[in-house]
Amino acid sequence: LSYDVYKWILDDRLRGEPYAFHGYPITSLALEGWSADVTLVTLFTTNQPLESKADLGDYLSRLRQVRGKVAGLIETLRWREQHGIRPSRFTADAAVERLRGYLGLSDTAPSDRKKIPAEGTVLWGSFEERLAKMKDLSERERNQARADVRAAIAESFIPAYYDLLRHMEEARETAPEVGGATSLPDGAGYYAYMLRNQTTLDLTPDEVRALGFAEVKSAQDAIRAEYLELGYPSD
């Protein structure tokens, strides 16, 4: 069984190679694992342990690398867009609103990144709460930690997410009103691949749709038969 599953997975990877970049890493869903910007924020607000001095060092080390991480993300977004893989207008709108929120920017606030305070970002409040729960830190060490994290947010997180915000604002200008597989290169092939990937069925999209209608009709017929037995009128 394990062999058969592994063989199916490897075969699926080969089938999916032409569509390796069809997925757009920034989505409308503010869920970890669904949108790259959300996953990265969740790392610092939830998943990165922050209970010891060693944890604090790891937190800072990772925070200082956010700018490089996001620069790489933006590079892959640009590559996708150059090859016709764009987010829908709805997705871009949701991402822009979310990124502004992460930076603490209101709709009327100036978008000059140098004027964005670290204390207004999504990371700062979380860090302060978690820092307050840490034990075995002197007041001097706490103050130093605040200064280090404030500097890392200002030098890494804010520039990174500001650049990502700007990119998504630009992407929104050319985003199609309606997204989905049909808006992508070889969208029909991608849709068929993803259907098999998600269901393991060796059926075409039309066959799956027909099967769905048949199952709905079967269920409705059974329900109507029960209604007639209970004395309800046929309409």
Protein backbone atom coordinates (compact mmCIF):
# COMPACT_ATOMS: atom_id res chain seq x y z
CA LEU A 1 0.00 0.00 0.00
CA SER A 2 2.81 2.41 0.90
CA TYR A 3 4.53 1.63 -2.41
CA ASP A 4 1.35 2.25 -4.38
CA VAL A 5 0.74 5.57 -2.61
CA TYR A 6 4.34 6.67 -3.15
CA LYS A 7 4.19 5.69 -6.82
CA TRP A 8 0.97 7.72 -7.25
CA ILE A 9 2.54 10.76 -5.58
CA LEU A 10 5.63 10.64 -7.80
CA ASP A 11 3.49 10.20 -10.90
CA ASP A 12 1.35 13.16 -9.79
CA ARG A 13 4.45 15.32 -9.34
CA LEU A 14 5.54 14.53 -12.90
CA ARG A 15 2.09 15.32 -14.27
CA GLY A 16 2.10 18.61 -12.37
CA GLU A 17 5.56 19.78 -13.48
CA PRO A 18 4.19 22.02 -16.29
CA TYR A 19 2.05 23.79 -13.70
CA ALA A 20 4.65 24.11 -10.95
CA PHE A 21 4.24 27.91 -10.83
CA HIS A 22 0.52 28.16 -11.59
CA GLY A 23 -0.33 28.66 -7.94
CA TYR A 24 -0.11 32.32 -6.86
CA PRO A 25 1.53 32.50 -3.38
CA ILE A 26 -0.50 35.54 -2.26
CA THR A 27 -4.18 34.67 -1.86
CA SER A 28 -7.33 36.31 -0.56
CA LEU A 29 -7.38 33.99 2.46
CA ALA A 30 -5.79 35.29 5.67
CA LEU A 31 -4.82 31.76 6.68
CA GLU A 32 -1.45 30.27 7.51
CA GLY A 33 -0.30 27.95 4.74
CA TRP A 34 -2.63 29.58 2.21
CA SER A 35 -0.94 32.93 1.67
CA ALA A 36 2.81 33.49 2.00
CA ASP A 37 2.52 36.86 3.74
CA VAL A 38 0.16 35.41 6.36
CA THR A 39 2.35 32.36 6.96
CA LEU A 40 5.38 34.56 7.59
CA VAL A 41 3.51 36.82 10.01
CA THR A 42 2.14 33.78 11.85
CA LEU A 43 5.70 32.50 12.29
CA PHE A 44 6.51 35.56 14.43
CA THR A 45 3.18 36.04 16.18
CA THR A 46 2.46 32.41 17.03
CA ASN A 47 4.77 29.63 15.86
CA GLN A 48 8.26 30.87 16.74
CA PRO A 49 8.78 29.93 20.43
CA LEU A 50 9.54 32.89 22.66
CA GLU A 51 10.15 31.60 26.15
CA SER A 52 13.92 31.68 26.65
CA LYS A 53 16.93 33.81 25.78
CA ALA A 54 17.82 31.30 23.07
CA ASP A 55 14.31 31.68 21.60
CA LEU A 56 14.77 35.44 21.61
CA GLY A 57 18.00 35.08 19.64
CA ASP A 58 16.27 32.84 17.09
CA TYR A 59 13.35 35.27 16.82
CA LEU A 60 15.68 38.16 16.08
CA SER A 61 17.78 36.16 13.64
CA ARG A 62 14.71 35.20 11.63
CA LEU A 63 13.19 38.66 11.82
CA ARG A 64 16.34 40.18 10.33
CA GLN A 65 16.02 37.82 7.34
CA VAL A 66 12.46 38.81 6.43
CA ARG A 67 13.57 41.41 3.89
CA GLY A 68 15.56 38.86 1.89
CA LYS A 69 12.79 36.29 2.18
CA VAL A 70 10.14 38.66 0.84
CA ALA A 71 12.46 39.95 -1.90
CA GLY A 72 12.64 36.39 -3.18
CA LEU A 73 8.87 36.08 -2.96
CA ILE A 74 8.37 39.26 -5.00
CA GLU A 75 10.82 37.93 -7.61
CA THR A 76 8.70 34.79 -8.06
CA LEU A 77 5.52 36.89 -8.28
CA ARG A 78 7.05 38.99 -11.04
CA TRP A 79 8.11 35.86 -12.93
CA ARG A 80 4.59 34.48 -12.72
CA GLU A 81 3.04 37.72 -13.91
CA GLN A 82 5.43 37.88 -16.87
CA HIS A 83 4.16 34.42 -17.83
CA GLY A 84 0.47 35.29 -17.55
CA ILE A 85 -0.11 34.01 -14.02
CA ARG A 86 -1.82 36.85 -12.19
CA PRO A 87 -4.07 37.17 -9.16
CA SER A 88 -7.70 38.11 -9.65
CA ARG A 89 -8.80 41.64 -8.76
CA PHE A 90 -10.59 40.24 -5.70
CA THR A 91 -7.40 38.52 -4.50
CA ALA A 92 -5.27 41.61 -5.07
CA ASP A 93 -7.77 43.84 -3.24
CA ALA A 94 -7.83 41.49 -0.24
CA ALA A 95 -4.02 41.26 -0.16
CA VAL A 96 -3.56 45.04 -0.32
CA GLU A 97 -6.00 45.57 2.54
CA ARG A 98 -4.33 42.86 4.63
CA LEU A 99 -0.79 44.14 4.00
CA ARG A 100 -1.79 47.68 4.95
CA GLY A 101 -3.20 46.26 8.15
CA TYR A 102 0.02 44.40 8.91
CA LEU A 103 1.92 47.67 8.55
CA GLY A 104 -0.62 49.58 10.63
CA LEU A 105 -1.60 51.81 7.72
CA SER A 106 -5.10 53.23 7.52
CA ASP A 107 -6.63 54.18 4.18
CA THR A 108 -5.70 57.81 4.78
CA ALA A 109 -2.26 57.27 6.33
CA PRO A 110 0.82 58.32 4.32
CA SER A 111 2.48 55.40 2.56
CA ASP A 112 6.05 56.56 3.13
CA ARG A 113 7.71 53.55 4.68
CA LYS A 114 10.16 55.72 6.63
CA LYS A 115 7.21 57.16 8.53
CA ILE A 116 5.75 53.78 9.51
CA PRO A 117 6.39 53.17 13.24
CA ALA A 118 7.45 49.71 14.32
CA GLU A 119 4.99 49.93 17.20
CA GLY A 120 2.08 50.09 14.75
CA THR A 121 2.89 46.83 12.96
CA VAL A 122 1.24 43.50 13.56
CA LEU A 123 4.47 42.10 15.00
CA TRP A 124 5.01 44.63 17.77
CA GLY A 125 1.90 44.02 19.85
CA SER A 126 2.41 40.27 19.68
CA PHE A 127 6.06 40.60 20.66
CA GLU A 128 5.25 42.81 23.67
CA GLU A 129 2.64 40.33 24.92
CA ARG A 130 5.00 37.40 24.58
CA LEU A 131 7.93 39.30 26.05
CA ALA A 132 5.87 40.08 29.15
CA LYS A 133 5.40 36.34 29.75
CA MET A 134 9.10 35.52 29.47
CA LYS A 135 10.84 34.67 32.72
CA ASP A 136 14.47 35.02 33.82
CA LEU A 137 14.99 38.35 32.03
CA SER A 138 16.22 41.43 33.80
CA GLU A 139 14.64 44.79 33.04
CA ARG A 140 17.78 45.78 31.19
CA GLU A 141 17.54 42.65 29.03
CA ARG A 142 13.87 43.34 28.32
CA ASN A 143 14.63 46.88 27.23
CA GLN A 144 17.46 45.64 25.04
CA ALA A 145 15.15 43.05 23.48
CA ARG A 146 12.59 45.76 22.72
CA ALA A 147 15.26 47.94 21.11
CA ASP A 148 16.60 45.04 19.02
CA VAL A 149 13.16 43.94 17.82
CA ARG A 150 12.10 47.52 17.10
CA ALA A 151 15.22 47.98 14.95
CA ALA A 152 14.69 44.65 13.15
CA ILE A 153 11.08 45.51 12.36
CA ALA A 154 12.13 48.93 11.05
CA GLU A 155 15.05 47.62 9.00
CA SER A 156 13.64 44.31 7.75
CA PHE A 157 9.91 43.72 8.22
CA ILE A 158 8.60 47.18 7.30
CA PRO A 159 10.69 47.57 4.10
CA ALA A 160 9.84 44.01 3.07
CA TYR A 161 6.09 44.28 3.56
CA TYR A 162 6.04 47.81 2.16
CA ASP A 163 7.64 46.52 -1.05
CA LEU A 164 5.17 43.61 -1.13
CA LEU A 165 2.29 46.04 -0.63
CA ARG A 166 3.54 48.20 -3.49
CA HIS A 167 3.88 45.13 -5.71
CA MET A 168 0.34 43.96 -4.99
CA GLU A 169 -0.97 47.46 -5.67
CA GLU A 170 0.75 47.31 -9.07
CA ALA A 171 -0.52 43.77 -9.69
CA ARG A 172 -4.04 44.96 -8.96
CA GLU A 173 -3.86 47.37 -11.92
CA THR A 174 -3.58 44.52 -14.43
CA ALA A 175 -5.46 41.84 -12.47
CA PRO A 176 -8.34 40.13 -14.29
CA GLU A 177 -11.79 40.75 -12.84
CA VAL A 178 -12.45 37.03 -12.73
CA GLY A 179 -9.71 34.61 -11.73
CA GLY A 180 -9.68 30.83 -11.71
CA ALA A 181 -7.93 28.27 -13.85
CA THR A 182 -9.42 29.56 -17.10
CA SER A 183 -7.51 32.83 -16.72
CA LEU A 184 -4.16 31.02 -16.65
CA PRO A 185 -1.95 29.66 -19.45
CA ASP A 186 -3.26 26.21 -20.44
CA GLY A 187 -5.97 26.72 -17.87
CA ALA A 188 -7.98 23.71 -19.02
CA GLY A 189 -4.98 21.42 -18.61
CA TYR A 190 -4.20 22.90 -15.20
CA TYR A 191 -7.81 22.44 -14.08
CA ALA A 192 -7.82 18.80 -15.21
CA TYR A 193 -4.53 18.17 -13.43
CA MET A 194 -5.73 19.75 -10.19
CA LEU A 195 -8.97 17.78 -10.35
CA ARG A 196 -7.03 14.52 -10.40
CA ASN A 197 -4.57 15.85 -7.80
CA GLN A 198 -7.38 16.64 -5.36
CA THR A 199 -9.68 13.67 -6.00
CA THR A 200 -7.35 10.89 -7.32
CA LEU A 201 -10.01 10.22 -9.98
CA ASP A 202 -8.96 9.44 -13.56
CA LEU A 203 -11.98 11.30 -14.91
CA THR A 204 -12.30 14.40 -17.07
CA PRO A 205 -13.86 17.55 -15.62
CA ASP A 206 -16.97 16.96 -17.76
CA GLU A 207 -17.26 13.40 -16.43
CA VAL A 208 -16.96 14.58 -12.84
CA ARG A 209 -19.60 17.26 -13.46
CA ALA A 210 -21.96 14.68 -15.00
CA LEU A 211 -21.33 12.36 -12.05
CA GLY A 212 -22.19 15.18 -9.66
CA PHE A 213 -25.48 15.92 -11.41
CA ALA A 214 -26.34 12.20 -11.44
CA GLU A 215 -25.68 11.89 -7.71
CA VAL A 216 -27.78 14.96 -6.92
CA LYS A 217 -30.66 13.60 -9.04
CA SER A 218 -30.41 10.20 -7.32
CA ALA A 219 -30.56 11.83 -3.88
CA GLN A 220 -33.47 14.07 -4.90
CA ASP A 221 -35.41 11.11 -6.35
CA ALA A 222 -34.93 9.17 -3.10
CA ILE A 223 -36.10 12.15 -1.03
CA ARG A 224 -39.19 12.65 -3.24
CA ALA A 225 -40.08 8.96 -2.87
CA GLU A 226 -39.94 9.30 0.91
CA TYR A 227 -42.09 12.47 0.71
CA LEU A 228 -44.76 10.59 -1.27
CA GLU A 229 -44.76 7.79 1.31
CA LEU A 230 -45.32 10.38 4.04
CA GLY A 231 -48.25 11.83 2.15
CA TYR A 232 -46.74 15.07 0.85
CA PRO A 233 -48.01 16.28 -2.55
CA SER A 234 -45.74 15.50 -5.53
CA ASP A 235 -44.93 19.16 -6.13
